[in-house]
Amino acid sequence: MRSSLSNWVSYLAVAVGIGTVAASLTVTTTPAGRGLTLAAGAFITFFALLSLPVPDRTPLHWGLVVVGLAATILPWLSTGFTADLGAAWTAGVAGALALALGCIGWLNGRPPTLYGFNRYASRDDKPPAVERWISRAALVVGLLTVVIGTTVTNSSPAGAAVAAGLGLFITVIALWSMEAADPTLDYLLMATFGFALFLAPWVVGYAGQPDAVTAWVGGFITTVLGVTGFLRGARRDRSSTVREHARMVYLQRYRHRMA
């Protein structure tokens, strides 16, 4: 029953996301409104599609909750919607639907307290070699995005700020994933920030500047790396392996206290 409900939530969220993207390109009248609704629809579609092939969809449904809430309140906070009723209605309706679907999926999924050892393990319990190379590659991409975006292609303040901010976030997340026993959720976060970097030139409005190339290339590579790492960890159920190893280590160390 839960699996069937989760499937419906993901499929409906895909439809909402695609509909939002289509509406952002047809019914909006201002660049700001078009960019913000395009980003909302793209992220709804991103989380929904990414949830389809994995067994544990709870983190991705939580992503729908966050994006839906942001899209719902954006018309009340951003001046980009003041003169664009099409964008305001698109963001409000899509945000409410994504928020509702995300809440349904998240509340009916696995609670985060179900696993006691998800992020705790021995220092000897390291991810496979492919995951380590993904983290290293993302670290290099993040650093290059910061350096190139702020020095080489520094053609606009907005582009430089996006490259520095999101590139720094990607760098930090890559470092986290290198130290984690189970970096699956780190890779999801990495893919999210990479996708945000990829969309930034259209959303912020510097798609015609040289800075946009840095954002597109860095964002695309980071998104691919993050999605690859997340899907590998989710499909191989890396968290269960880490949890079982941590339980064994715990019993070996403290068995005498339990006697």
Protein backbone atom coordinates (compact mmCIF):
# COMPACT_ATOMS: atom_id res chain seq x y z
CA MET A 1 0.00 0.00 0.00
CA ARG A 2 2.76 2.44 0.94
CA SER A 3 4.75 1.56 -2.17
CA SER A 4 1.72 2.16 -4.40
CA LEU A 5 0.97 5.50 -2.72
CA SER A 6 4.61 6.53 -3.03
CA ASN A 7 4.54 5.71 -6.74
CA TRP A 8 1.44 7.84 -7.27
CA VAL A 9 2.99 10.74 -5.36
CA SER A 10 6.10 10.64 -7.55
CA TYR A 11 4.18 10.35 -10.83
CA LEU A 12 1.79 13.16 -9.92
CA ALA A 13 4.72 15.33 -8.84
CA VAL A 14 6.37 14.75 -12.24
CA ALA A 15 3.16 15.95 -13.90
CA VAL A 16 3.01 19.01 -11.64
CA GLY A 17 6.64 19.86 -12.36
CA ILE A 18 6.31 19.52 -16.13
CA GLY A 19 3.09 21.54 -16.08
CA THR A 20 4.81 24.27 -14.06
CA VAL A 21 7.71 24.47 -16.52
CA ALA A 22 5.26 24.69 -19.43
CA ALA A 23 3.24 27.40 -17.67
CA SER A 24 6.39 29.38 -16.88
CA LEU A 25 7.15 29.56 -20.60
CA THR A 26 3.62 30.43 -21.74
CA VAL A 27 1.61 32.41 -19.18
CA THR A 28 4.30 34.54 -17.49
CA THR A 29 4.95 38.09 -18.66
CA THR A 30 8.09 39.24 -16.80
CA PRO A 31 11.66 37.83 -16.84
CA ALA A 32 11.74 37.58 -13.04
CA GLY A 33 8.44 35.73 -12.83
CA ARG A 34 9.43 33.43 -15.68
CA GLY A 35 12.78 32.59 -14.09
CA LEU A 36 11.39 31.88 -10.63
CA THR A 37 8.53 29.69 -11.85
CA LEU A 38 10.87 27.88 -14.23
CA ALA A 39 13.20 27.10 -11.33
CA ALA A 40 10.31 25.88 -9.17
CA GLY A 41 8.98 23.60 -11.90
CA ALA A 42 12.44 22.29 -12.73
CA PHE A 43 13.18 21.40 -9.11
CA ILE A 44 9.78 19.73 -8.62
CA THR A 45 10.45 17.62 -11.72
CA PHE A 46 14.02 16.92 -10.58
CA PHE A 47 13.05 15.55 -7.16
CA ALA A 48 10.06 13.64 -8.57
CA LEU A 49 12.03 11.93 -11.34
CA LEU A 50 14.92 11.11 -9.01
CA SER A 51 12.51 9.45 -6.57
CA LEU A 52 11.20 6.94 -9.13
CA PRO A 53 14.13 4.47 -9.31
CA VAL A 54 15.09 4.41 -5.59
CA PRO A 55 13.53 2.29 -2.80
CA ASP A 56 13.64 4.97 -0.08
CA ARG A 57 11.96 8.10 -1.40
CA THR A 58 11.57 9.93 1.91
CA PRO A 59 14.46 12.43 1.38
CA LEU A 60 13.21 13.24 -2.13
CA HIS A 61 9.63 13.73 -0.98
CA TRP A 62 11.00 16.06 1.69
CA GLY A 63 12.65 17.95 -1.18
CA LEU A 64 9.20 18.36 -2.72
CA VAL A 65 7.96 19.78 0.58
CA VAL A 66 10.74 22.38 0.66
CA VAL A 67 10.35 23.40 -2.99
CA GLY A 68 6.55 23.46 -2.70
CA LEU A 69 6.66 25.65 0.39
CA ALA A 70 9.13 28.03 -1.25
CA ALA A 71 7.02 28.30 -4.41
CA THR A 72 3.86 28.90 -2.37
CA ILE A 73 5.27 31.82 -0.41
CA LEU A 74 7.36 33.36 -3.23
CA PRO A 75 4.48 35.42 -4.70
CA TRP A 76 4.10 37.13 -1.31
CA LEU A 77 7.81 37.87 -0.92
CA SER A 78 9.20 38.64 -4.38
CA THR A 79 8.53 41.81 -6.37
CA GLY A 80 8.97 39.74 -9.53
CA PHE A 81 5.35 38.61 -9.18
CA THR A 82 3.80 42.03 -8.57
CA ALA A 83 3.14 42.75 -12.25
CA ASP A 84 2.93 39.12 -13.36
CA LEU A 85 -0.31 37.45 -12.28
CA GLY A 86 0.41 34.45 -14.50
CA ALA A 87 3.64 33.73 -12.64
CA ALA A 88 2.00 34.34 -9.27
CA TRP A 89 -0.82 31.89 -9.95
CA THR A 90 1.59 29.34 -11.45
CA ALA A 91 3.89 29.46 -8.43
CA GLY A 92 1.03 29.42 -5.92
CA VAL A 93 -0.87 26.51 -7.45
CA ALA A 94 2.21 24.44 -8.29
CA GLY A 95 3.71 25.11 -4.87
CA ALA A 96 0.56 24.06 -3.05
CA LEU A 97 0.29 20.85 -5.09
CA ALA A 98 3.96 19.97 -4.63
CA LEU A 99 3.72 20.74 -0.91
CA ALA A 100 0.68 18.49 -0.51
CA LEU A 101 2.21 15.63 -2.51
CA GLY A 102 5.52 15.93 -0.69
CA CYS A 103 3.82 15.85 2.72
CA ILE A 104 1.79 12.77 1.76
CA GLY A 105 4.87 10.95 0.51
CA TRP A 106 7.07 12.01 3.40
CA LEU A 107 4.55 11.17 6.13
CA ASN A 108 3.90 7.74 4.62
CA GLY A 109 7.58 6.96 4.03
CA ARG A 110 10.28 5.74 6.33
CA PRO A 111 10.71 8.06 9.32
CA PRO A 112 14.24 9.42 9.74
CA THR A 113 14.47 7.92 13.24
CA LEU A 114 13.92 4.39 11.92
CA TYR A 115 17.65 3.86 11.50
CA GLY A 116 19.97 4.42 14.39
CA PHE A 117 23.29 4.03 12.64
CA ASN A 118 22.84 5.75 9.28
CA ARG A 119 25.66 8.24 9.75
CA TYR A 120 27.72 6.45 12.38
CA ALA A 121 30.30 3.84 11.51
CA SER A 122 33.86 2.78 12.00
CA ARG A 123 36.61 4.77 10.31
CA ASP A 124 37.44 1.56 8.45
CA ASP A 125 34.01 1.52 6.83
CA LYS A 126 34.63 3.61 3.73
CA PRO A 127 32.54 3.97 0.56
CA PRO A 128 33.58 2.08 -2.60
CA ALA A 129 36.27 3.48 -4.90
CA VAL A 130 33.75 4.89 -7.40
CA GLU A 131 32.11 7.00 -4.70
CA ARG A 132 35.48 8.32 -3.56
CA TRP A 133 36.32 9.38 -7.11
CA ILE A 134 32.92 11.07 -7.43
CA SER A 135 33.65 13.11 -4.30
CA ARG A 136 37.11 14.09 -5.53
CA ALA A 137 35.79 15.09 -8.94
CA ALA A 138 33.04 17.21 -7.34
CA LEU A 139 35.64 18.87 -5.11
CA VAL A 140 37.68 19.86 -8.17
CA VAL A 141 34.57 21.11 -10.03
CA GLY A 142 33.49 23.18 -7.02
CA LEU A 143 36.90 24.81 -6.64
CA LEU A 144 37.20 25.49 -10.38
CA THR A 145 33.73 27.04 -10.42
CA VAL A 146 34.71 29.46 -7.66
CA VAL A 147 38.07 30.37 -9.22
CA ILE A 148 36.91 30.68 -12.85
CA GLY A 149 33.63 32.39 -11.99
CA THR A 150 35.28 35.06 -9.85
CA THR A 151 38.45 35.70 -11.90
CA VAL A 152 38.41 34.46 -15.51
CA THR A 153 34.77 34.96 -16.59
CA ASN A 154 33.87 37.64 -14.05
CA SER A 155 31.60 39.56 -16.44
CA SER A 156 28.69 40.34 -14.09
CA PRO A 157 28.28 40.75 -10.31
CA ALA A 158 25.38 38.28 -10.29
CA GLY A 159 27.36 35.61 -12.14
CA ALA A 160 30.37 36.01 -9.89
CA ALA A 161 28.22 35.84 -6.76
CA VAL A 162 26.44 32.69 -7.95
CA ALA A 163 29.70 31.00 -8.92
CA ALA A 164 31.34 31.87 -5.61
CA GLY A 165 28.37 30.94 -3.43
CA LEU A 166 27.18 27.73 -5.07
CA GLY A 167 30.72 26.66 -5.98
CA LEU A 168 31.71 26.99 -2.33
CA PHE A 169 28.68 24.96 -1.23
CA ILE A 170 29.57 22.22 -3.73
CA THR A 171 33.14 22.18 -2.44
CA VAL A 172 32.02 21.83 1.18
CA ILE A 173 29.52 19.07 0.33
CA ALA A 174 32.23 17.19 -1.59
CA LEU A 175 34.46 17.35 1.48
CA TRP A 176 31.59 16.07 3.66
CA SER A 177 31.01 13.15 1.29
CA MET A 178 34.69 12.22 1.43
CA GLU A 179 34.50 11.81 5.20
CA ALA A 180 31.08 10.12 5.43
CA ALA A 181 30.65 6.37 5.80
CA ASP A 182 27.39 6.66 3.86
CA PRO A 183 27.57 9.69 1.52
CA THR A 184 24.27 8.91 -0.25
CA LEU A 185 22.41 11.94 1.11
CA ASP A 186 25.50 14.11 0.59
CA TYR A 187 25.32 13.22 -3.09
CA LEU A 188 21.64 14.18 -3.18
CA LEU A 189 22.55 17.56 -1.70
CA MET A 190 25.41 17.84 -4.20
CA ALA A 191 23.05 17.15 -7.11
CA THR A 192 20.60 19.73 -5.79
CA PHE A 193 23.19 22.51 -5.60
CA GLY A 194 24.60 21.46 -8.98
CA PHE A 195 21.14 21.72 -10.54
CA ALA A 196 20.67 25.13 -8.91
CA LEU A 197 23.98 26.26 -10.42
CA PHE A 198 22.90 24.98 -13.84
CA LEU A 199 19.59 26.88 -13.68
CA ALA A 200 21.06 30.07 -12.20
CA PRO A 201 21.84 31.93 -15.48
CA TRP A 202 18.18 31.74 -16.55
CA VAL A 203 16.75 32.43 -13.10
CA VAL A 204 19.06 35.29 -12.13
CA GLY A 205 19.21 36.75 -15.63
CA TYR A 206 22.78 36.56 -16.91
CA ALA A 207 22.33 33.85 -19.56
CA GLY A 208 23.94 36.09 -22.18
CA GLN A 209 27.13 36.64 -20.19
CA PRO A 210 30.36 34.55 -20.20
CA ASP A 211 29.66 33.69 -16.56
CA ALA A 212 26.74 31.58 -17.74
CA VAL A 213 29.06 29.05 -19.40
CA THR A 214 30.86 28.48 -16.10
CA ALA A 215 27.56 27.92 -14.33
CA TRP A 216 26.18 25.61 -17.02
CA VAL A 217 29.29 23.43 -17.29
CA GLY A 218 29.98 23.29 -13.56
CA GLY A 219 26.33 22.76 -12.70
CA PHE A 220 25.83 20.01 -15.28
CA ILE A 221 28.92 18.07 -14.20
CA THR A 222 28.06 18.42 -10.51
CA THR A 223 24.46 17.33 -11.09
CA VAL A 224 25.59 14.24 -13.01
CA LEU A 225 28.14 13.35 -10.30
CA GLY A 226 25.61 13.85 -7.50
CA VAL A 227 22.83 11.91 -9.19
CA THR A 228 25.22 9.05 -10.03
CA GLY A 229 26.47 8.82 -6.45
CA PHE A 230 22.97 9.05 -4.99
CA LEU A 231 21.51 6.37 -7.25
CA ARG A 232 24.45 4.03 -6.60
CA GLY A 233 24.07 4.40 -2.85
CA ALA A 234 20.28 4.14 -2.87
CA ARG A 235 20.11 1.09 -5.13
CA ARG A 236 22.86 -0.78 -3.29
CA ASP A 237 21.27 0.19 0.03
CA ARG A 238 24.55 1.54 1.33
CA SER A 239 22.88 2.77 4.51
CA SER A 240 21.92 -0.78 5.51
CA THR A 241 25.51 -1.95 5.03
CA VAL A 242 26.85 0.89 7.15
CA ARG A 243 24.17 0.31 9.78
CA GLU A 244 24.95 -3.41 10.08
CA HIS A 245 28.69 -2.79 10.27
CA ALA A 246 28.20 -0.15 12.94
CA ARG A 247 26.02 -2.53 14.95
CA MET A 248 28.71 -5.22 14.81
CA VAL A 249 31.41 -2.77 15.89
CA TYR A 250 29.22 -1.56 18.74
CA LEU A 251 28.57 -5.11 19.98
CA GLN A 252 32.25 -6.00 19.79
CA ARG A 253 33.26 -2.97 21.84
CA TYR A 254 30.52 -3.00 24.45
CA ARG A 255 29.46 -6.63 24.69
CA HIS A 256 31.11 -6.95 28.11
CA ARG A 257 28.95 -4.11 29.46
CA MET A 258 25.80 -5.85 28.28
CA ALA A 259 26.68 -9.12 30.03
